[in-house]
Amino acid sequence: MRTEAAEDVEHLVDGLIAWSDRLIPDPERARALAQDLRKFAAQAGKGTHLSPELLPAVEQVCHRTARHLTLEWQPDVAPPDQGEPPSWPPVADAEVAARAGFVRTVVRNAHYGLLRLDGLDEVSQCRRFLDAAFALLLGSDGLILDLRTTGGGATSALVAVTDVILGRDPELIMSVQQRSGEPRQWWTTGVPGDARWPANGPVAVLVGPGTYSNGEALAYVLQTRGRVRVFGERTPGAADHVIPVRVTPHVVALLPEGTAIDAVSGTNWEGVGVRPDVEVPASDALDRALEWLTTSANSVGVPIGPGTGWGRTV
């Protein structure tokens, strides 16, 4: 049995392989990850000291198989996790309130609205903020959903946003398969008519390198249903559901424990990312989306342009 003094690259690799073999739903992916990690450890050399500076190289190896697997160096030493897999620690209501449920920007002008989300909190904690945002935005002729800084979070909030934008009856959004048991299904609820986004209202989604995990999922499920037009750069491609596991006294890993499968495409965005319908630098995505909304508006006689309230700082 290894001790804290023996915390080297082999120590980290052994922990990652052991937990991945338990958690990753697809055994083939787990075996591919193990093979890559063993090769890395052999090249690094037996007894190579584990340090924060080495973790990015290990992550790069892991990302060949699992784009969401990340490693964090903890300065405080604690025993590695054993037994049952850990779970995400709860987030205090006060913390969610302080960041307004990750609702970062809400802009409404005479015709169009913009909603920027920096993440996705559990819907039981953030619904009041999402509801307030959509209460302001509903009635606009078009919507820009800015996910360029949406770094992931809770699937429940993803479904709540999807519910409003799709504006349809209840439907299966995605299933999440774990190593054992039946897949967990995520459904929209079918919001009342006056709380739905109009079926003919154009919706633009902005994405980029900062769109990650469930931020990618939100863009993906709206795109596969043909409901939105996506602008920006391809996203990183992190589709797994992950949990934090301390694999060495100093290292906590976000390890895949669920595979998300979109109900329409039958697959996901792992490793390939969300491909924008209009590929432009993420910094230009807002301008291009506004151009598209202008065209959409003019086709039905709705004005947009100077004096409508849009600024470069949105």
Protein backbone atom coordinates (compact mmCIF):
# COMPACT_ATOMS: atom_id res chain seq x y z
CA MET A 1 0.00 0.00 0.00
CA ARG A 2 1.34 3.42 -0.99
CA THR A 3 1.99 6.12 1.58
CA GLU A 4 1.83 9.88 1.27
CA ALA A 5 5.61 9.96 0.81
CA ALA A 6 5.21 7.75 -2.27
CA GLU A 7 2.87 10.22 -4.01
CA ASP A 8 4.30 9.99 -7.50
CA VAL A 9 2.96 9.74 -11.06
CA GLU A 10 2.27 6.02 -10.65
CA HIS A 11 0.24 6.82 -7.55
CA LEU A 12 -1.94 9.21 -9.56
CA VAL A 13 -2.27 6.86 -12.54
CA ASP A 14 -3.23 3.93 -10.32
CA GLY A 15 -5.96 6.00 -8.68
CA LEU A 16 -7.33 7.30 -11.96
CA ILE A 17 -7.45 3.83 -13.50
CA ALA A 18 -9.09 2.24 -10.46
CA TRP A 19 -11.85 4.84 -10.24
CA SER A 20 -12.38 5.07 -14.00
CA ASP A 21 -12.84 1.32 -14.15
CA ARG A 22 -15.59 1.68 -11.55
CA LEU A 23 -17.30 4.78 -12.93
CA ILE A 24 -17.01 5.23 -16.70
CA PRO A 25 -20.15 3.65 -18.20
CA ASP A 26 -18.43 2.36 -21.34
CA PRO A 27 -15.82 -0.29 -20.40
CA GLU A 28 -14.05 0.22 -23.73
CA ARG A 29 -13.46 3.88 -22.93
CA ALA A 30 -12.22 2.96 -19.47
CA ARG A 31 -9.74 0.47 -20.97
CA ALA A 32 -8.55 3.02 -23.55
CA LEU A 33 -7.98 5.58 -20.80
CA ALA A 34 -6.08 3.05 -18.70
CA GLN A 35 -3.85 2.13 -21.63
CA ASP A 36 -2.99 5.77 -22.34
CA LEU A 37 -2.27 6.49 -18.68
CA ARG A 38 0.01 3.46 -18.30
CA LYS A 39 1.99 4.54 -21.35
CA PHE A 40 2.36 8.01 -19.88
CA ALA A 41 3.55 6.64 -16.54
CA ALA A 42 6.10 4.40 -18.29
CA GLN A 43 7.44 7.34 -20.31
CA ALA A 44 7.60 9.56 -17.22
CA GLY A 45 9.65 6.95 -15.40
CA LYS A 46 9.18 5.06 -12.18
CA GLY A 47 9.17 7.25 -9.09
CA THR A 48 8.59 10.54 -10.95
CA HIS A 49 7.52 13.05 -8.32
CA LEU A 50 3.93 14.27 -8.52
CA SER A 51 3.56 18.05 -8.65
CA PRO A 52 1.02 20.69 -9.75
CA GLU A 53 3.14 21.41 -12.82
CA LEU A 54 2.74 17.82 -14.02
CA LEU A 55 -1.05 17.74 -13.92
CA PRO A 56 -1.70 19.51 -17.27
CA ALA A 57 0.32 16.82 -19.08
CA VAL A 58 -1.74 14.08 -17.41
CA GLU A 59 -4.97 15.92 -18.29
CA GLN A 60 -3.88 16.09 -21.93
CA VAL A 61 -3.52 12.31 -21.97
CA CYS A 62 -6.93 11.86 -20.34
CA HIS A 63 -8.61 14.18 -22.84
CA ARG A 64 -7.97 11.73 -25.67
CA THR A 65 -10.72 9.62 -24.11
CA ALA A 66 -12.61 11.86 -21.67
CA ARG A 67 -12.62 15.60 -22.44
CA HIS A 68 -14.26 16.46 -19.12
CA LEU A 69 -11.69 14.67 -16.93
CA THR A 70 -9.79 17.38 -15.09
CA LEU A 71 -7.29 17.38 -12.22
CA GLU A 72 -6.90 19.88 -9.40
CA TRP A 73 -4.00 20.11 -6.99
CA GLN A 74 -5.10 20.53 -3.37
CA PRO A 75 -2.50 22.12 -1.07
CA ASP A 76 -4.10 20.48 1.96
CA VAL A 77 -3.45 16.76 2.27
CA ALA A 78 -6.37 14.36 2.85
CA PRO A 79 -6.86 10.59 2.47
CA PRO A 80 -7.90 9.44 -1.02
CA ASP A 81 -11.57 8.49 -1.44
CA GLN A 82 -12.46 4.86 -0.98
CA GLY A 83 -15.64 2.82 -0.88
CA GLU A 84 -18.75 4.38 -2.39
CA PRO A 85 -18.21 7.13 -4.97
CA PRO A 86 -18.53 10.62 -3.47
CA SER A 87 -21.09 13.15 -4.64
CA TRP A 88 -21.10 16.85 -5.32
CA PRO A 89 -21.26 18.91 -2.11
CA PRO A 90 -24.45 20.99 -1.80
CA VAL A 91 -24.34 24.66 -2.76
CA ALA A 92 -25.73 27.06 -0.18
CA ASP A 93 -28.85 29.00 -1.15
CA ALA A 94 -27.04 32.20 -0.18
CA GLU A 95 -24.26 31.45 -2.68
CA VAL A 96 -26.79 30.91 -5.47
CA ALA A 97 -28.61 34.10 -4.53
CA ALA A 98 -25.36 36.08 -4.46
CA ARG A 99 -24.69 35.18 -8.09
CA ALA A 100 -28.38 35.39 -9.10
CA GLY A 101 -28.41 31.77 -10.22
CA PHE A 102 -25.69 32.51 -12.82
CA VAL A 103 -28.03 34.92 -14.66
CA ARG A 104 -25.36 37.44 -15.62
CA THR A 105 -26.97 39.74 -18.21
CA VAL A 106 -30.58 40.43 -19.19
CA VAL A 107 -31.21 43.06 -21.87
CA ARG A 108 -34.55 43.96 -23.43
CA ASN A 109 -35.04 46.56 -26.14
CA ALA A 110 -38.08 47.39 -28.23
CA HIS A 111 -37.97 44.11 -30.09
CA TYR A 112 -35.22 41.74 -29.01
CA GLY A 113 -33.89 40.30 -25.78
CA LEU A 114 -30.54 38.91 -24.65
CA LEU A 115 -29.90 36.46 -21.83
CA ARG A 116 -26.36 35.61 -20.79
CA LEU A 117 -25.78 32.70 -18.42
CA ASP A 118 -22.44 32.09 -16.69
CA GLY A 119 -23.48 28.64 -15.45
CA LEU A 120 -26.41 26.51 -14.38
CA ASP A 121 -27.43 26.13 -10.73
CA GLU A 122 -29.91 23.53 -9.51
CA VAL A 123 -33.32 24.66 -10.69
CA SER A 124 -34.79 24.38 -7.21
CA GLN A 125 -32.39 27.18 -6.20
CA CYS A 126 -32.22 29.31 -9.35
CA ARG A 127 -35.72 29.10 -10.87
CA ARG A 128 -36.76 32.50 -9.48
CA PHE A 129 -33.88 34.14 -11.31
CA LEU A 130 -34.58 32.32 -14.58
CA ASP A 131 -38.30 33.08 -14.30
CA ALA A 132 -37.56 36.76 -13.68
CA ALA A 133 -35.28 36.89 -16.72
CA PHE A 134 -37.80 35.27 -19.03
CA ALA A 135 -40.63 37.41 -17.63
CA LEU A 136 -38.71 40.42 -18.93
CA LEU A 137 -37.72 38.81 -22.23
CA LEU A 138 -40.98 37.11 -23.23
CA GLY A 139 -42.89 39.17 -25.74
CA SER A 140 -39.76 40.09 -27.65
CA ASP A 141 -39.64 39.26 -31.35
CA GLY A 142 -36.38 37.38 -30.96
CA LEU A 143 -33.92 36.09 -28.39
CA ILE A 144 -30.15 35.86 -28.12
CA LEU A 145 -29.03 33.20 -25.63
CA ASP A 146 -25.39 33.93 -24.81
CA LEU A 147 -23.65 30.74 -23.64
CA ARG A 148 -20.09 31.87 -24.36
CA THR A 149 -19.30 31.87 -20.64
CA THR A 150 -21.63 29.07 -19.54
CA GLY A 151 -19.18 26.72 -17.90
CA GLY A 152 -21.58 23.93 -17.01
CA GLY A 153 -23.67 23.06 -13.98
CA ALA A 154 -26.97 21.39 -13.23
CA THR A 155 -28.99 19.51 -15.85
CA SER A 156 -32.20 20.56 -14.10
CA ALA A 157 -31.61 24.22 -15.05
CA LEU A 158 -30.69 23.18 -18.59
CA VAL A 159 -34.08 21.49 -18.90
CA ALA A 160 -35.88 24.53 -17.46
CA VAL A 161 -34.34 26.86 -20.07
CA THR A 162 -34.99 24.33 -22.85
CA ASP A 163 -38.62 24.05 -21.71
CA VAL A 164 -39.26 27.76 -22.29
CA ILE A 165 -37.39 28.07 -25.59
CA LEU A 166 -38.81 24.94 -27.21
CA GLY A 167 -42.30 25.96 -26.14
CA ARG A 168 -43.72 22.52 -26.77
CA ASP A 169 -45.42 19.70 -24.95
CA PRO A 170 -43.36 17.50 -22.60
CA GLU A 171 -40.59 15.64 -24.38
CA LEU A 172 -37.52 13.60 -23.58
CA ILE A 173 -34.39 15.75 -23.79
CA MET A 174 -31.60 13.33 -22.88
CA SER A 175 -30.75 10.15 -21.04
CA VAL A 176 -27.71 9.68 -18.82
CA GLN A 177 -26.28 6.16 -18.68
CA GLN A 178 -24.19 5.15 -15.69
CA ARG A 179 -22.12 2.00 -15.19
CA SER A 180 -25.11 0.13 -13.76
CA GLY A 181 -28.86 0.56 -13.61
CA GLU A 182 -31.36 2.12 -15.97
CA PRO A 183 -30.49 5.42 -17.68
CA ARG A 184 -31.76 8.55 -15.97
CA GLN A 185 -34.15 10.44 -18.24
CA TRP A 186 -34.53 14.21 -18.39
CA TRP A 187 -37.85 15.55 -19.71
CA THR A 188 -39.29 19.00 -20.25
CA THR A 189 -42.52 19.62 -18.42
CA GLY A 190 -44.42 21.58 -21.06
CA VAL A 191 -44.75 25.10 -19.68
CA PRO A 192 -48.06 27.01 -20.01
CA GLY A 193 -48.63 28.82 -23.29
CA ASP A 194 -48.06 32.33 -21.95
CA ALA A 195 -44.67 31.28 -20.52
CA ARG A 196 -43.40 29.71 -23.75
CA TRP A 197 -41.22 31.39 -26.30
CA PRO A 198 -43.29 31.93 -29.46
CA ALA A 199 -42.81 29.10 -31.94
CA ASN A 200 -42.09 31.58 -34.74
CA GLY A 201 -39.77 33.76 -32.64
CA PRO A 202 -36.16 33.50 -33.87
CA VAL A 203 -33.59 32.36 -31.30
CA ALA A 204 -29.83 32.78 -31.69
CA VAL A 205 -27.37 30.91 -29.45
CA LEU A 206 -23.80 32.15 -28.95
CA VAL A 207 -21.04 29.62 -28.17
CA GLY A 208 -17.26 29.47 -27.97
CA PRO A 209 -14.31 27.95 -26.10
CA GLY A 210 -15.84 29.05 -22.78
CA THR A 211 -19.04 27.08 -23.44
CA TYR A 212 -18.48 23.86 -21.51
CA SER A 213 -20.18 20.71 -20.22
CA ASN A 214 -23.89 21.40 -19.65
CA GLY A 215 -23.43 24.77 -21.34
CA GLU A 216 -22.61 22.73 -24.43
CA ALA A 217 -25.54 20.44 -23.71
CA LEU A 218 -27.98 23.36 -23.71
CA ALA A 219 -26.76 24.56 -27.11
CA TYR A 220 -26.70 20.99 -28.45
CA VAL A 221 -30.24 19.97 -27.52
CA LEU A 222 -31.69 23.22 -28.91
CA GLN A 223 -29.70 22.81 -32.12
CA THR A 224 -30.60 19.15 -32.72
CA ARG A 225 -34.28 20.08 -32.50
CA GLY A 226 -33.86 22.73 -35.18
CA ARG A 227 -35.13 25.43 -32.84
CA VAL A 228 -32.14 27.80 -32.87
CA ARG A 229 -29.29 29.11 -34.99
CA VAL A 230 -25.89 28.74 -33.33
CA PHE A 231 -23.16 31.37 -33.83
CA GLY A 232 -19.52 31.33 -32.73
CA GLU A 233 -16.71 28.82 -32.37
CA ARG A 234 -16.83 25.08 -31.83
CA THR A 235 -17.07 24.16 -28.15
CA PRO A 236 -14.56 21.96 -26.25
CA GLY A 237 -16.61 18.74 -26.40
CA ALA A 238 -17.08 17.74 -22.74
CA ALA A 239 -20.24 15.62 -22.67
CA ASP A 240 -19.73 13.36 -19.66
CA HIS A 241 -21.38 13.89 -16.31
CA VAL A 242 -18.61 13.97 -13.70
CA ILE A 243 -18.11 13.75 -9.95
CA PRO A 244 -15.16 14.93 -7.82
CA VAL A 245 -12.96 12.12 -6.48
CA ARG A 246 -9.78 12.55 -4.44
CA VAL A 247 -7.45 10.06 -6.12
CA THR A 248 -4.27 10.96 -4.22
CA PRO A 249 -3.66 12.91 -1.02
CA HIS A 250 -3.13 16.04 -3.12
CA VAL A 251 -5.18 15.53 -6.31
CA VAL A 252 -8.95 15.73 -6.84
CA ALA A 253 -10.16 14.52 -10.23
CA LEU A 254 -13.44 15.22 -11.98
CA LEU A 255 -14.16 11.71 -13.24
CA PRO A 256 -16.84 10.66 -15.76
CA GLU A 257 -19.69 8.77 -14.14
CA GLY A 258 -22.44 9.26 -16.72
CA THR A 259 -22.75 9.40 -20.50
CA ALA A 260 -25.28 11.89 -21.86
CA ILE A 261 -27.28 10.77 -24.91
CA ASP A 262 -29.43 13.31 -26.75
CA ALA A 263 -32.91 11.94 -27.48
CA VAL A 264 -32.95 13.31 -31.05
CA SER A 265 -29.43 12.59 -32.32
CA GLY A 266 -28.91 9.39 -30.32
CA THR A 267 -25.38 10.56 -29.51
CA ASN A 268 -23.63 13.54 -27.92
CA TRP A 269 -20.91 16.16 -28.41
CA GLU A 270 -18.08 14.32 -26.61
CA GLY A 271 -14.73 15.13 -28.19
CA VAL A 272 -16.25 16.96 -31.17
CA GLY A 273 -18.06 19.85 -29.51
CA VAL A 274 -21.11 21.76 -30.69
CA ARG A 275 -20.57 22.84 -34.29
CA PRO A 276 -22.00 26.34 -34.88
CA ASP A 277 -24.34 26.87 -37.81
CA VAL A 278 -22.43 30.10 -38.45
CA GLU A 279 -18.73 29.73 -37.58
CA VAL A 280 -17.17 33.04 -36.57
CA PRO A 281 -14.78 34.09 -33.78
CA ALA A 282 -16.65 33.97 -30.49
CA SER A 283 -15.98 37.69 -30.03
CA ASP A 284 -17.94 38.39 -33.25
CA ALA A 285 -20.84 36.04 -32.53
CA LEU A 286 -23.13 38.71 -31.08
CA ASP A 287 -22.77 41.00 -34.09
CA ARG A 288 -23.45 38.16 -36.51
CA ALA A 289 -26.47 37.03 -34.51
CA LEU A 290 -27.85 40.57 -34.60
CA GLU A 291 -27.39 40.65 -38.37
CA TRP A 292 -29.36 37.41 -38.65
CA LEU A 293 -32.11 38.68 -36.35
CA THR A 294 -32.29 41.87 -38.43
CA THR A 295 -32.88 39.80 -41.54
CA SER A 296 -35.46 37.66 -39.77
CA ALA A 297 -37.22 40.74 -38.42
CA ASN A 298 -37.25 42.56 -41.75
CA SER A 299 -38.80 39.54 -43.39
CA VAL A 300 -41.87 40.08 -41.22
CA GLY A 301 -41.69 43.88 -41.12
CA VAL A 302 -40.22 44.36 -37.64
CA PRO A 303 -37.63 47.16 -37.39
CA ILE A 304 -34.24 46.79 -35.73
CA GLY A 305 -31.16 48.94 -35.96
CA PRO A 306 -30.03 52.35 -34.69
CA GLY A 307 -32.18 53.56 -31.84
CA THR A 308 -33.44 50.11 -30.83
CA GLY A 309 -31.23 49.95 -27.76
CA TRP A 310 -28.47 47.54 -28.73
CA GLY A 311 -24.96 48.57 -27.79
CA ARG A 312 -21.51 47.14 -28.28
CA THR A 313 -21.21 46.49 -24.56
CA VAL A 314 -24.02 43.92 -24.37
